[in-house]
C-alpha atoms as a PDB file:
ATOM      1  CA  MET A   1      -7.644   6.711  23.380  1.00  0.00           C
ATOM      2  CA  PRO A   2      -7.346   8.779  26.534  1.00  0.00           C
ATOM      3  CA  TYR A   3     -10.015  11.649  26.361  1.00  0.00           C
ATOM      4  CA  ASP A   4      -9.437  15.108  27.733  1.00  0.00           C
ATOM      5  CA  GLY A   5     -12.266  15.974  30.041  1.00  0.00           C
ATOM      6  CA  LYS A   6     -12.823  19.461  28.992  1.00  0.00           C
ATOM      7  CA  LEU A   7     -12.898  18.567  25.393  1.00  0.00           C
ATOM      8  CA  LEU A   8     -15.127  15.655  25.941  1.00  0.00           C
ATOM      9  CA  ALA A   9     -17.501  17.959  28.054  1.00  0.00           C
ATOM     10  CA  ARG A  10     -17.632  20.118  25.020  1.00  0.00           C
ATOM     11  CA  ALA A  11     -18.046  17.382  22.552  1.00  0.00           C
ATOM     12  CA  ARG A  12     -21.262  16.302  24.670  1.00  0.00           C
ATOM     13  CA  GLU A  13     -22.483  19.809  24.604  1.00  0.00           C
ATOM     14  CA  GLN A  14     -22.625  19.632  21.113  1.00  0.00           C
ATOM     15  CA  LEU A  15     -24.281  16.234  21.103  1.00  0.00           C
ATOM     16  CA  ASP A  16     -26.910  17.550  23.246  1.00  0.00           C
ATOM     17  CA  VAL A  17     -27.437  20.696  20.823  1.00  0.00           C
ATOM     18  CA  ARG A  18     -27.931  18.065  18.268  1.00  0.00           C
ATOM     19  CA  ARG A  19     -30.204  15.998  20.118  1.00  0.00           C
ATOM     20  CA  ALA A  20     -32.380  19.092  20.899  1.00  0.00           C
ATOM     21  CA  ALA A  21     -32.523  20.109  17.632  1.00  0.00           C
ATOM     22  CA  ASN A  22     -33.734  16.854  16.455  1.00  0.00           C
ATOM     23  CA  GLN A  23     -36.443  16.493  19.172  1.00  0.00           C
ATOM     24  CA  ALA A  24     -37.806  19.885  18.227  1.00  0.00           C
ATOM     25  CA  GLU A  25     -38.126  18.960  14.496  1.00  0.00           C
ATOM     26  CA  GLN A  26     -39.852  15.798  15.709  1.00  0.00           C
ATOM     27  CA  GLN A  27     -42.168  17.908  17.881  1.00  0.00           C
ATOM     28  CA  ARG A  28     -42.823  20.125  14.861  1.00  0.00           C
ATOM     29  CA  ARG A  29     -43.833  17.298  12.508  1.00  0.00           C
ATOM     30  CA  LEU A  30     -46.086  15.789  15.285  1.00  0.00           C
ATOM     31  CA  ALA A  31     -47.967  19.194  15.644  1.00  0.00           C
ATOM     32  CA  ALA A  32     -48.175  19.662  11.982  1.00  0.00           C
ATOM     33  CA  ALA A  33     -49.475  16.139  11.507  1.00  0.00           C
ATOM     34  CA  TYR A  34     -52.067  16.165  14.438  1.00  0.00           C
ATOM     35  CA  ALA A  35     -53.567  19.640  13.092  1.00  0.00           C
ATOM     36  CA  ARG A  36     -53.929  18.447   9.582  1.00  0.00           C
ATOM     37  CA  VAL A  37     -54.906  14.798  10.408  1.00  0.00           C
ATOM     38  CA  PRO A  38     -56.699  14.461  13.738  1.00  0.00           C
ATOM     39  CA  GLU A  39     -57.043  10.771  13.217  1.00  0.00           C
ATOM     40  CA  ILE A  40     -53.326  10.300  13.465  1.00  0.00           C
ATOM     41  CA  GLN A  41     -53.373  11.904  17.051  1.00  0.00           C
ATOM     42  CA  ARG A  42     -56.074   9.674  18.063  1.00  0.00           C
ATOM     43  CA  ILE A  43     -54.278   6.510  16.734  1.00  0.00           C
ATOM     44  CA  ASP A  44     -51.036   7.560  18.605  1.00  0.00           C
ATOM     45  CA  TYR A  45     -53.237   7.903  21.777  1.00  0.00           C
ATOM     46  CA  GLU A  46     -54.827   4.518  21.256  1.00  0.00           C
ATOM     47  CA  MET A  47     -51.137   2.834  20.590  1.00  0.00           C
ATOM     48  CA  ARG A  48     -49.984   4.473  23.919  1.00  0.00           C
ATOM     49  CA  ALA A  49     -53.005   3.052  25.741  1.00  0.00           C
ATOM     50  CA  GLN A  50     -52.350  -0.339  24.319  1.00  0.00           C
ATOM     51  CA  MET A  51     -48.737  -0.349  25.765  1.00  0.00           C
ATOM     52  CA  THR A  52     -50.068   0.569  29.162  1.00  0.00           C
ATOM     53  CA  GLU A  53     -52.597  -2.364  28.883  1.00  0.00           C
ATOM     54  CA  LEU A  54     -49.814  -4.604  27.667  1.00  0.00           C
ATOM     55  CA  VAL A  55     -47.832  -3.916  30.779  1.00  0.00           C
ATOM     56  CA  ARG A  56     -50.828  -4.321  33.079  1.00  0.00           C
ATOM     57  CA  LEU A  57     -51.458  -7.560  31.437  1.00  0.00           C
ATOM     58  CA  THR A  58     -48.051  -9.100  31.699  1.00  0.00           C
ATOM     59  CA  LEU A  59     -48.027  -8.446  35.606  1.00  0.00           C
ATOM     60  CA  SER A  60     -51.562 -10.119  35.793  1.00  0.00           C
ATOM     61  CA  ARG A  61     -52.290 -13.996  36.170  1.00  0.00           C
ATOM     62  CA  ARG A  62     -55.182 -14.134  33.905  1.00  0.00           C
ATOM     63  CA  PRO A  63     -55.826 -17.581  32.284  1.00  0.00           C
ATOM     64  CA  ASP A  64     -56.418 -16.100  28.857  1.00  0.00           C
ATOM     65  CA  LEU A  65     -53.146 -14.018  29.131  1.00  0.00           C
ATOM     66  CA  ALA A  66     -51.572 -15.258  25.912  1.00  0.00           C
ATOM     67  CA  GLU A  67     -54.566 -14.874  23.953  1.00  0.00           C
ATOM     68  CA  ARG A  68     -55.268 -11.188  25.260  1.00  0.00           C
ATOM     69  CA  ILE A  69     -51.749 -10.131  24.350  1.00  0.00           C
ATOM     70  CA  GLU A  70     -52.387 -11.605  20.826  1.00  0.00           C
ATOM     71  CA  GLU A  71     -55.315  -9.469  20.377  1.00  0.00           C
ATOM     72  CA  LEU A  72     -53.514  -6.427  21.530  1.00  0.00           C
ATOM     73  CA  LYS A  73     -50.547  -7.086  19.113  1.00  0.00           C
ATOM     74  CA  LYS A  74     -52.932  -7.376  16.211  1.00  0.00           C
ATOM     75  CA  ALA A  75     -55.042  -4.304  17.155  1.00  0.00           C
ATOM     76  CA  ASN A  76     -51.634  -2.361  17.558  1.00  0.00           C
ATOM     77  CA  LEU A  77     -50.549  -3.675  14.016  1.00  0.00           C
ATOM     78  CA  ASP A  78     -53.739  -2.665  12.557  1.00  0.00           C
ATOM     79  CA  LEU A  79     -53.305   0.937  13.866  1.00  0.00           C
ATOM     80  CA  GLN A  80     -49.852   1.282  12.629  1.00  0.00           C
ATOM     81  CA  VAL A  81     -50.896   0.412   9.390  1.00  0.00           C
ATOM     82  CA  ARG A  82     -53.702   2.799   9.421  1.00  0.00           C
ATOM     83  CA  ARG A  83     -51.215   5.515  10.621  1.00  0.00           C
ATOM     84  CA  ALA A  84     -48.911   4.834   7.747  1.00  0.00           C
ATOM     85  CA  GLU A  85     -51.610   4.936   5.159  1.00  0.00           C
ATOM     86  CA  LEU A  86     -52.738   8.353   6.636  1.00  0.00           C
ATOM     87  CA  LEU A  87     -49.028   9.736   6.529  1.00  0.00           C
ATOM     88  CA  VAL A  88     -48.638   8.657   2.856  1.00  0.00           C
ATOM     89  CA  GLU A  89     -52.004  10.086   1.719  1.00  0.00           C
ATOM     90  CA  GLN A  90     -50.762  13.410   2.993  1.00  0.00           C
ATOM     91  CA  GLY A  91     -47.491  13.140   0.819  1.00  0.00           C
ATOM     92  CA  TRP A  92     -45.411  12.196   3.952  1.00  0.00           C
ATOM     93  CA  PRO A  93     -42.969   9.179   4.256  1.00  0.00           C
ATOM     94  CA  MET A  94     -44.133   6.354   6.641  1.00  0.00           C
ATOM     95  CA  ASP A  95     -41.395   7.240   9.047  1.00  0.00           C
ATOM     96  CA  PHE A  96     -42.090  11.009   8.847  1.00  0.00           C
ATOM     97  CA  LEU A  97     -43.126  11.037  12.629  1.00  0.00           C
ATOM     98  CA  ASP A  98     -40.486   8.532  13.944  1.00  0.00           C
ATOM     99  CA  GLU A  99     -37.913   9.648  16.171  1.00  0.00           C
ATOM    100  CA  ILE A 100     -35.123  11.597  14.544  1.00  0.00           C
ATOM    101  CA  CYS A 101     -31.554  10.680  15.218  1.00  0.00           C
ATOM    102  CA  SER A 102     -28.416  11.921  13.618  1.00  0.00           C
ATOM    103  CA  CYS A 103     -26.638   8.513  14.734  1.00  0.00           C
ATOM    104  CA  PRO A 104     -28.641   5.551  14.384  1.00  0.00           C
ATOM    105  CA  LYS A 105     -26.250   3.594  16.136  1.00  0.00           C
ATOM    106  CA  CYS A 106     -26.343   5.138  19.616  1.00  0.00           C
ATOM    107  CA  ARG A 107     -29.563   7.295  18.915  1.00  0.00           C
ATOM    108  CA  ASP A 108     -27.650  10.407  19.734  1.00  0.00           C
ATOM    109  CA  THR A 109     -26.711   9.347  23.378  1.00  0.00           C
ATOM    110  CA  GLY A 110     -23.028   9.011  22.441  1.00  0.00           C
ATOM    111  CA  ILE A 111     -22.623   5.772  24.008  1.00  0.00           C
ATOM    112  CA  LEU A 112     -22.548   2.526  22.256  1.00  0.00           C
ATOM    113  CA  ASN A 113     -21.955  -0.897  24.298  1.00  0.00           C
ATOM    114  CA  GLY A 114     -20.763   0.974  27.179  1.00  0.00           C
ATOM    115  CA  ALA A 115     -18.028   3.058  25.149  1.00  0.00           C
ATOM    116  CA  PRO A 116     -18.041   6.356  23.289  1.00  0.00           C
ATOM    117  CA  CYS A 117     -19.911   6.197  20.173  1.00  0.00           C
ATOM    118  CA  GLU A 118     -18.073   7.026  16.828  1.00  0.00           C
ATOM    119  CA  CYS A 119     -20.329  10.238  16.558  1.00  0.00           C
ATOM    120  CA  LEU A 120     -19.154  11.436  20.088  1.00  0.00           C
ATOM    121  CA  HIS A 121     -15.633  10.479  18.983  1.00  0.00           C
ATOM    122  CA  LYS A 122     -15.981  12.545  15.834  1.00  0.00           C
ATOM    123  CA  LEU A 123     -17.306  15.599  17.795  1.00  0.00           C
ATOM    124  CA  TYR A 124     -14.556  15.160  20.148  1.00  0.00           C
ATOM    125  CA  ASN A 125     -12.011  15.258  17.391  1.00  0.00           C
ATOM    126  CA  GLN A 126     -13.514  18.512  15.902  1.00  0.00           C
ATOM    127  CA  GLU A 127     -13.183  20.212  19.373  1.00  0.00           C
ATOM    128  CA  LEU A 128      -9.285  18.917  19.343  1.00  0.00           C
ATOM    129  CA  THR A 129      -8.787  20.172  15.885  1.00  0.00           C
ATOM    130  CA  LYS A 130      -9.943  23.599  16.702  1.00  0.00           C
ATOM    131  CA  GLU A 131      -6.710  24.103  17.951  1.00  0.00           C
ATOM    132  CA  LEU A 132      -5.600  24.232  14.231  1.00  0.00           C
ATOM    133  CA  SER A 133      -6.787  27.897  13.862  1.00  0.00           C
ATOM    134  CA  VAL A 134      -2.994  28.914  14.388  1.00  0.00           C
ATOM    135  CA  LEU A 135      -2.086  26.744  11.462  1.00  0.00           C
ATOM    136  CA  LEU A 136      -5.438  27.361   9.471  1.00  0.00           C
ATOM    137  CA  ARG A 137      -5.404  31.140   9.597  1.00  0.00           C
ATOM    138  CA  SER A 138      -5.800  32.312   6.202  1.00  0.00           C
ATOM    139  CA  GLY A 139      -8.757  29.927   5.154  1.00  0.00           C
ATOM    140  CA  ASP A 140      -7.378  29.022   1.773  1.00  0.00           C
ATOM    141  CA  GLU A 141      -5.164  26.085   2.618  1.00  0.00           C
ATOM    142  CA  ARG A 142      -6.139  23.748  -0.141  1.00  0.00           C
ATOM    143  CA  PHE A 143      -3.985  21.709  -2.497  1.00  0.00           C
ATOM    144  CA  GLU A 144      -5.606  23.271  -5.611  1.00  0.00           C
ATOM    145  CA  ARG A 145      -4.210  26.787  -4.330  1.00  0.00           C
ATOM    146  CA  PHE A 146      -0.555  25.473  -4.162  1.00  0.00           C
ATOM    147  CA  ASP A 147       1.130  27.576  -6.932  1.00  0.00           C
ATOM    148  CA  LEU A 148       3.723  25.387  -8.886  1.00  0.00           C
ATOM    149  CA  THR A 149       4.451  28.300 -11.223  1.00  0.00           C
ATOM    150  CA  LEU A 150       6.308  30.047  -8.220  1.00  0.00           C
ATOM    151  CA  TYR A 151       9.079  27.407  -8.757  1.00  0.00           C
ATOM    152  CA  SER A 152      11.467  27.644 -11.513  1.00  0.00           C
ATOM    153  CA  ASP A 153      11.302  25.234 -14.336  1.00  0.00           C
ATOM    154  CA  GLN A 154      15.132  25.411 -14.757  1.00  0.00           C
ATOM    155  CA  ALA A 155      16.863  21.913 -14.047  1.00  0.00           C
ATOM    156  CA  ASP A 156      19.611  22.081 -11.311  1.00  0.00           C
ATOM    157  CA  GLU A 157      22.818  20.052 -11.312  1.00  0.00           C
ATOM    158  CA  SER A 158      20.537  17.040 -10.123  1.00  0.00           C
ATOM    159  CA  GLY A 159      18.881  17.337 -13.572  1.00  0.00           C
ATOM    160  CA  LEU A 160      15.641  17.964 -11.819  1.00  0.00           C
ATOM    161  CA  SER A 161      13.960  21.358 -11.766  1.00  0.00           C
ATOM    162  CA  PRO A 162      12.470  22.844  -8.577  1.00  0.00           C
ATOM    163  CA  ARG A 163       8.993  22.989 -10.174  1.00  0.00           C
ATOM    164  CA  GLU A 164       9.190  19.150 -11.291  1.00  0.00           C
ATOM    165  CA  ASN A 165      10.393  18.154  -7.784  1.00  0.00           C
ATOM    166  CA  MET A 166       7.749  20.347  -5.971  1.00  0.00           C
ATOM    167  CA  ARG A 167       5.010  18.713  -8.331  1.00  0.00           C
ATOM    168  CA  ARG A 168       6.245  15.375  -6.944  1.00  0.00           C
ATOM    169  CA  VAL A 169       6.268  16.625  -3.458  1.00  0.00           C
ATOM    170  CA  LEU A 170       2.654  17.987  -3.895  1.00  0.00           C
ATOM    171  CA  SER A 171       1.649  14.648  -5.332  1.00  0.00           C
ATOM    172  CA  ALA A 172       3.061  12.783  -2.174  1.00  0.00           C
ATOM    173  CA  CYS A 173       1.317  15.323   0.216  1.00  0.00           C
ATOM    174  CA  ARG A 174      -2.031  14.752  -1.558  1.00  0.00           C
ATOM    175  CA  ARG A 175      -1.736  11.047  -1.391  1.00  0.00           C
ATOM    176  CA  PHE A 176      -0.909  11.314   2.308  1.00  0.00           C
ATOM    177  CA  ALA A 177      -4.065  13.163   3.000  1.00  0.00           C
ATOM    178  CA  ALA A 178      -6.309  11.173   0.721  1.00  0.00           C
ATOM    179  CA  ASN A 179      -5.296   7.630   2.093  1.00  0.00           C
ATOM    180  CA  PHE A 180      -4.861   8.532   5.718  1.00  0.00           C
ATOM    181  CA  PRO A 181      -4.661   6.930   8.317  1.00  0.00           C
ATOM    182  CA  GLN A 182      -3.802   3.968   5.869  1.00  0.00           C
ATOM    183  CA  VAL A 183      -0.507   5.479   4.742  1.00  0.00           C
ATOM    184  CA  SER A 184       2.843   3.663   4.991  1.00  0.00           C
ATOM    185  CA  ALA A 185       5.039   6.236   6.342  1.00  0.00           C
ATOM    186  CA  ASN A 186       5.289   9.264   8.295  1.00  0.00           C
ATOM    187  CA  LEU A 187       6.592  12.640   6.336  1.00  0.00           C
ATOM    188  CA  LEU A 188       9.501  14.765   7.035  1.00  0.00           C
ATOM    189  CA  LEU A 189       8.912  17.972   5.073  1.00  0.00           C
ATOM    190  CA  GLN A 190      12.786  19.342   4.605  1.00  0.00           C
ATOM    191  CA  GLY A 191      14.112  22.455   3.042  1.00  0.00           C
ATOM    192  CA  ASP A 192      14.789  26.381   3.500  1.00  0.00           C
ATOM    193  CA  THR A 193      12.470  28.944   4.873  1.00  0.00           C
ATOM    194  CA  GLY A 194       9.618  30.053   2.720  1.00  0.00           C
ATOM    195  CA  LEU A 195       9.218  27.000   0.291  1.00  0.00           C
ATOM    196  CA  GLY A 196       5.686  25.918   1.221  1.00  0.00           C
ATOM    197  CA  LYS A 197       6.398  23.425   4.202  1.00  0.00           C
ATOM    198  CA  THR A 198       3.833  25.165   6.530  1.00  0.00           C
ATOM    199  CA  PHE A 199       1.301  25.590   3.688  1.00  0.00           C
ATOM    200  CA  LEU A 200       1.280  22.099   2.661  1.00  0.00           C
ATOM    201  CA  SER A 201       1.288  20.773   6.209  1.00  0.00           C
ATOM    202  CA  ALA A 202      -2.002  22.945   6.675  1.00  0.00           C
ATOM    203  CA  CYS A 203      -3.449  21.401   3.524  1.00  0.00           C
ATOM    204  CA  MET A 204      -2.986  18.102   4.817  1.00  0.00           C
ATOM    205  CA  ALA A 205      -4.240  19.085   8.324  1.00  0.00           C
ATOM    206  CA  ARG A 206      -7.399  20.522   6.792  1.00  0.00           C
ATOM    207  CA  GLU A 207      -8.378  17.711   4.482  1.00  0.00           C
ATOM    208  CA  ILE A 208      -7.589  14.963   7.147  1.00  0.00           C
ATOM    209  CA  ALA A 209      -9.504  16.867   9.912  1.00  0.00           C
ATOM    210  CA  GLU A 210     -12.330  17.134   7.800  1.00  0.00           C
ATOM    211  CA  LYS A 211     -12.757  13.625   7.564  1.00  0.00           C
ATOM    212  CA  GLY A 212     -12.999  13.561  11.283  1.00  0.00           C
ATOM    213  CA  TYR A 213      -9.621  12.572  12.311  1.00  0.00           C
ATOM    214  CA  SER A 214      -7.903  14.371  15.288  1.00  0.00           C
ATOM    215  CA  VAL A 215      -5.124  16.663  14.301  1.00  0.00           C
ATOM    216  CA  CYS A 216      -2.731  18.618  16.748  1.00  0.00           C
ATOM    217  CA  TYR A 217      -0.379  21.413  15.419  1.00  0.00           C
ATOM    218  CA  ASP A 218       2.484  22.861  17.257  1.00  0.00           C
ATOM    219  CA  SER A 219       5.993  24.166  16.873  1.00  0.00           C
ATOM    220  CA  ALA A 220       8.721  22.055  17.970  1.00  0.00           C
ATOM    221  CA  ALA A 221       9.755  24.709  20.646  1.00  0.00           C
ATOM    222  CA  ALA A 222       6.309  24.854  22.165  1.00  0.00           C
ATOM    223  CA  ALA A 223       5.567  21.171  21.874  1.00  0.00           C
ATOM    224  CA  LEU A 224       8.800  20.335  23.784  1.00  0.00           C
ATOM    225  CA  ASP A 225       8.293  23.236  26.188  1.00  0.00           C
ATOM    226  CA  ALA A 226       5.021  21.448  27.284  1.00  0.00           C
ATOM    227  CA  PHE A 227       6.803  18.267  28.252  1.00  0.00           C
ATOM    228  CA  GLU A 228       9.293  20.289  30.454  1.00  0.00           C
ATOM    229  CA  ARG A 229       6.467  22.302  32.065  1.00  0.00           C
ATOM    230  CA  GLN A 230       4.653  18.915  32.719  1.00  0.00           C
ATOM    231  CA  LYS A 231       7.665  17.947  34.664  1.00  0.00           C
ATOM    232  CA  PHE A 232       8.997  20.935  36.181  1.00  0.00           C
ATOM    233  CA  ALA A 233       6.330  23.528  36.614  1.00  0.00           C
ATOM    234  CA  ARG A 234       5.658  24.421  40.095  1.00  0.00           C
ATOM    235  CA  ASP A 235       2.254  25.729  39.640  1.00  0.00           C
ATOM    236  CA  PRO A 236      -0.109  22.605  39.606  1.00  0.00           C
ATOM    237  CA  GLU A 237      -2.617  24.232  37.269  1.00  0.00           C
ATOM    238  CA  GLU A 238       0.260  25.030  34.777  1.00  0.00           C
ATOM    239  CA  ALA A 239       1.625  21.414  35.054  1.00  0.00           C
ATOM    240  CA  GLU A 240      -1.832  20.227  34.376  1.00  0.00           C
ATOM    241  CA  ASN A 241      -2.284  22.091  31.346  1.00  0.00           C
ATOM    242  CA  ALA A 242       0.931  21.069  29.996  1.00  0.00           C
ATOM    243  CA  ALA A 243       0.251  17.355  30.932  1.00  0.00           C
ATOM    244  CA  ARG A 244      -3.076  17.786  28.910  1.00  0.00           C
ATOM    245  CA  ARG A 245      -1.182  19.093  25.970  1.00  0.00           C
ATOM    246  CA  VAL A 246       1.180  16.359  26.022  1.00  0.00           C
ATOM    247  CA  ARG A 247      -1.585  13.677  26.122  1.00  0.00           C
ATOM    248  CA  ARG A 248      -3.095  15.109  23.089  1.00  0.00           C
ATOM    249  CA  MET A 249       0.179  15.197  21.190  1.00  0.00           C
ATOM    250  CA  LEU A 250       0.823  11.628  21.997  1.00  0.00           C
ATOM    251  CA  SER A 251      -2.657  10.222  21.097  1.00  0.00           C
ATOM    252  CA  CYS A 252      -4.036  12.388  18.449  1.00  0.00           C
ATOM    253  CA  ASP A 253      -4.415  10.711  14.960  1.00  0.00           C
ATOM    254  CA  LEU A 254      -1.841  13.148  13.072  1.00  0.00           C
ATOM    255  CA  MET A 255       0.659  15.411  15.014  1.00  0.00           C
ATOM    256  CA  ILE A 256       2.047  18.058  12.916  1.00  0.00           C
ATOM    257  CA  LEU A 257       5.420  19.250  14.322  1.00  0.00           C
ATOM    258  CA  ASP A 258       6.632  22.411  12.832  1.00  0.00           C
ATOM    259  CA  ASP A 259      10.056  24.060  12.655  1.00  0.00           C
ATOM    260  CA  LEU A 260      11.954  21.328  14.189  1.00  0.00           C
ATOM    261  CA  GLY A 261      15.592  22.540  14.742  1.00  0.00           C
ATOM    262  CA  THR A 262      14.402  26.056  16.116  1.00  0.00           C
ATOM    263  CA  GLU A 263      13.937  24.984  19.567  1.00  0.00           C
ATOM    264  CA  MET A 264      16.348  25.514  22.151  1.00  0.00           C
ATOM    265  CA  LEU A 265      18.507  22.370  22.202  1.00  0.00           C
ATOM    266  CA  THR A 266      18.918  20.587  25.805  1.00  0.00           C
ATOM    267  CA  SER A 267      19.374  17.091  26.926  1.00  0.00           C
ATOM    268  CA  PHE A 268      15.674  17.257  28.252  1.00  0.00           C
ATOM    269  CA  SER A 269      14.459  18.534  25.003  1.00  0.00           C
ATOM    270  CA  ILE A 270      15.921  15.749  23.005  1.00  0.00           C
ATOM    271  CA  SER A 271      14.527  13.193  25.521  1.00  0.00           C
ATOM    272  CA  ALA A 272      11.077  14.751  25.069  1.00  0.00           C
ATOM    273  CA  LEU A 273      11.353  14.629  21.317  1.00  0.00           C
ATOM    274  CA  TYR A 274      12.368  11.065  21.414  1.00  0.00           C
ATOM    275  CA  THR A 275       9.520  10.185  23.803  1.00  0.00           C
ATOM    276  CA  LEU A 276       7.008  12.012  21.386  1.00  0.00           C
ATOM    277  CA  LEU A 277       8.301  10.397  18.341  1.00  0.00           C
ATOM    278  CA  ASN A 278       8.682   6.815  19.597  1.00  0.00           C
ATOM    279  CA  THR A 279       5.441   6.762  21.541  1.00  0.00           C
ATOM    280  CA  ARG A 280       3.621   7.835  18.319  1.00  0.00           C
ATOM    281  CA  LEU A 281       5.503   5.216  16.347  1.00  0.00           C
ATOM    282  CA  VAL A 282       4.830   2.232  18.878  1.00  0.00           C
ATOM    283  CA  ASN A 283       1.021   3.370  18.842  1.00  0.00           C
ATOM    284  CA  GLY A 284       0.751   3.310  14.969  1.00  0.00           C
ATOM    285  CA  LYS A 285       0.034   7.204  14.864  1.00  0.00           C
ATOM    286  CA  ARG A 286       1.085   9.296  12.046  1.00  0.00           C
ATOM    287  CA  THR A 287       3.389  12.233  12.374  1.00  0.00           C
ATOM    288  CA  ILE A 288       4.449  15.143  10.102  1.00  0.00           C
ATOM    289  CA  ILE A 289       7.561  17.085  10.762  1.00  0.00           C
ATOM    290  CA  SER A 290       8.925  20.130   9.009  1.00  0.00           C
ATOM    291  CA  THR A 291      12.447  21.445   9.388  1.00  0.00           C
ATOM    292  CA  ASN A 292      14.872  23.715   7.737  1.00  0.00           C
ATOM    293  CA  CYS A 293      17.670  21.642   8.823  1.00  0.00           C
ATOM    294  CA  PRO A 294      19.549  19.283   6.240  1.00  0.00           C
ATOM    295  CA  ALA A 295      20.264  15.858   7.112  1.00  0.00           C
ATOM    296  CA  ASP A 296      23.687  16.437   8.396  1.00  0.00           C
ATOM    297  CA  GLU A 297      22.355  18.959  10.740  1.00  0.00           C
ATOM    298  CA  LEU A 298      19.555  16.904  12.126  1.00  0.00           C
ATOM    299  CA  GLN A 299      22.152  14.154  12.865  1.00  0.00           C
ATOM    300  CA  ARG A 300      24.476  16.794  14.649  1.00  0.00           C
ATOM    301  CA  ARG A 301      21.733  18.148  16.856  1.00  0.00           C
ATOM    302  CA  TYR A 302      19.580  15.027  17.773  1.00  0.00           C
ATOM    303  CA  GLY A 303      22.091  12.049  17.325  1.00  0.00           C
ATOM    304  CA  ALA A 304      21.452   8.534  16.086  1.00  0.00           C
ATOM    305  CA  GLN A 305      18.893   7.463  18.106  1.00  0.00           C
ATOM    306  CA  ILE A 306      16.298  10.086  16.878  1.00  0.00           C
ATOM    307  CA  CYS A 307      17.691  10.204  13.287  1.00  0.00           C
ATOM    308  CA  SER A 308      17.349   6.610  13.011  1.00  0.00           C
ATOM    309  CA  ARG A 309      13.669   7.027  13.711  1.00  0.00           C
ATOM    310  CA  LEU A 310      13.654   9.541  10.966  1.00  0.00           C
ATOM    311  CA  ASP A 311      15.478   7.556   8.433  1.00  0.00           C
ATOM    312  CA  GLY A 312      13.492   4.426   9.050  1.00  0.00           C
ATOM    313  CA  GLU A 313       9.771   5.510   9.680  1.00  0.00           C
ATOM    314  CA  PHE A 314       9.803   8.943   7.677  1.00  0.00           C
ATOM    315  CA  LEU A 315       9.398   9.774   3.954  1.00  0.00           C
ATOM    316  CA  ARG A 316      11.653  12.718   3.197  1.00  0.00           C
ATOM    317  CA  LEU A 317      10.210  15.347   1.072  1.00  0.00           C
ATOM    318  CA  PRO A 318      12.766  17.866  -0.211  1.00  0.00           C
ATOM    319  CA  PHE A 319      11.466  21.421  -0.665  1.00  0.00           C
ATOM    320  CA  THR A 320      13.554  23.295  -3.191  1.00  0.00           C
ATOM    321  CA  GLY A 321      13.581  26.627  -4.943  1.00  0.00           C
ATOM    322  CA  THR A 322      13.647  30.330  -4.082  1.00  0.00           C
ATOM    323  CA  ASP A 323      11.722  31.719  -1.110  1.00  0.00           C
ATOM    324  CA  ILE A 324       8.031  31.715  -2.569  1.00  0.00           C
ATOM    325  CA  ARG A 325       6.799  34.406   0.083  1.00  0.00           C
ATOM    326  CA  ARG A 326       9.169  36.956  -1.458  1.00  0.00           C
ATOM    327  CA  LEU A 327       8.262  36.147  -4.982  1.00  0.00           C
ATOM    328  CA  GLN A 328       4.411  36.367  -3.980  1.00  0.00           C
ATOM    329  CA  ARG A 329       5.099  39.932  -2.540  1.00  0.00           C
ATOM    330  CA  ALA A 330       6.989  40.826  -5.593  1.00  0.00           C
ATOM    331  CA  LYS A 331       3.869  39.683  -7.784  1.00  0.00           C
ATOM    332  CA  LYS A 332       1.528  41.940  -5.651  1.00  0.00           C
ATOM    333  CA  SER A 333       3.658  44.886  -5.843  1.00  0.00           C
END
């Protein structure tokens, strides 16, 4: 995936902090072991001397080179065994003084086989996901806190009560978060204002981000405005900042596009929306869209090209009931 240089630098800073903490802990352990058992320090000194001698020998042309190297290897192995015995006698594990690494794959370098290691990628995603502070502002965005009792249990003309419908919606959102990214479809959360679309989006975002995936959240108006600023802004810095946002939206593991239908409708915004949706679909990236618009209004606003993507690639989740924000305020009063 393309990385944002600023976010990658912040991720590397986090990795540096982690590495420094591990090195400090290793030094603390060494100091404690040397103070309690001076023989361990002497063994470490001898083993370092053996490594120096090994290098010297390999550069020499002695006739007994192979024999001397074998002798050194045997002596080194004996010292390792004695060192392990001393550690165990003190109640420490045999690897107590080994190098401490949070990531055994790259040994906290952040690079594996010439590419960013998974550990650095996760730290990068954490930096990217900090932008979710706008969405995760209350701190209680958990599925367990979604109150189904706020929805009526009286069946409507379809024979299904809002509560039962929202129970199904909640179940679908839980499955999406639990199985991400191995999910079969994107999500279209559709219904009137105040029915829980943003809250359930936040629940999914939190759970998916906590698993280490990158999540971007933006309103449709702000997201499409970034596309426009990227192309038309006269200030180079403004254009680059917008381009950076666009790259994140196109490449993140999960994009949450909120309040589709509230943005100013222009031919450019429609084109930008198509680019965003189609690029993510082509690259196998998942998207959640929330909208107050019914299906016929989406068709009228965005046309067949975009709606065919919504119909074919998105699972529609209808949100029904009465504005729960008003009900929650009534409960508190």
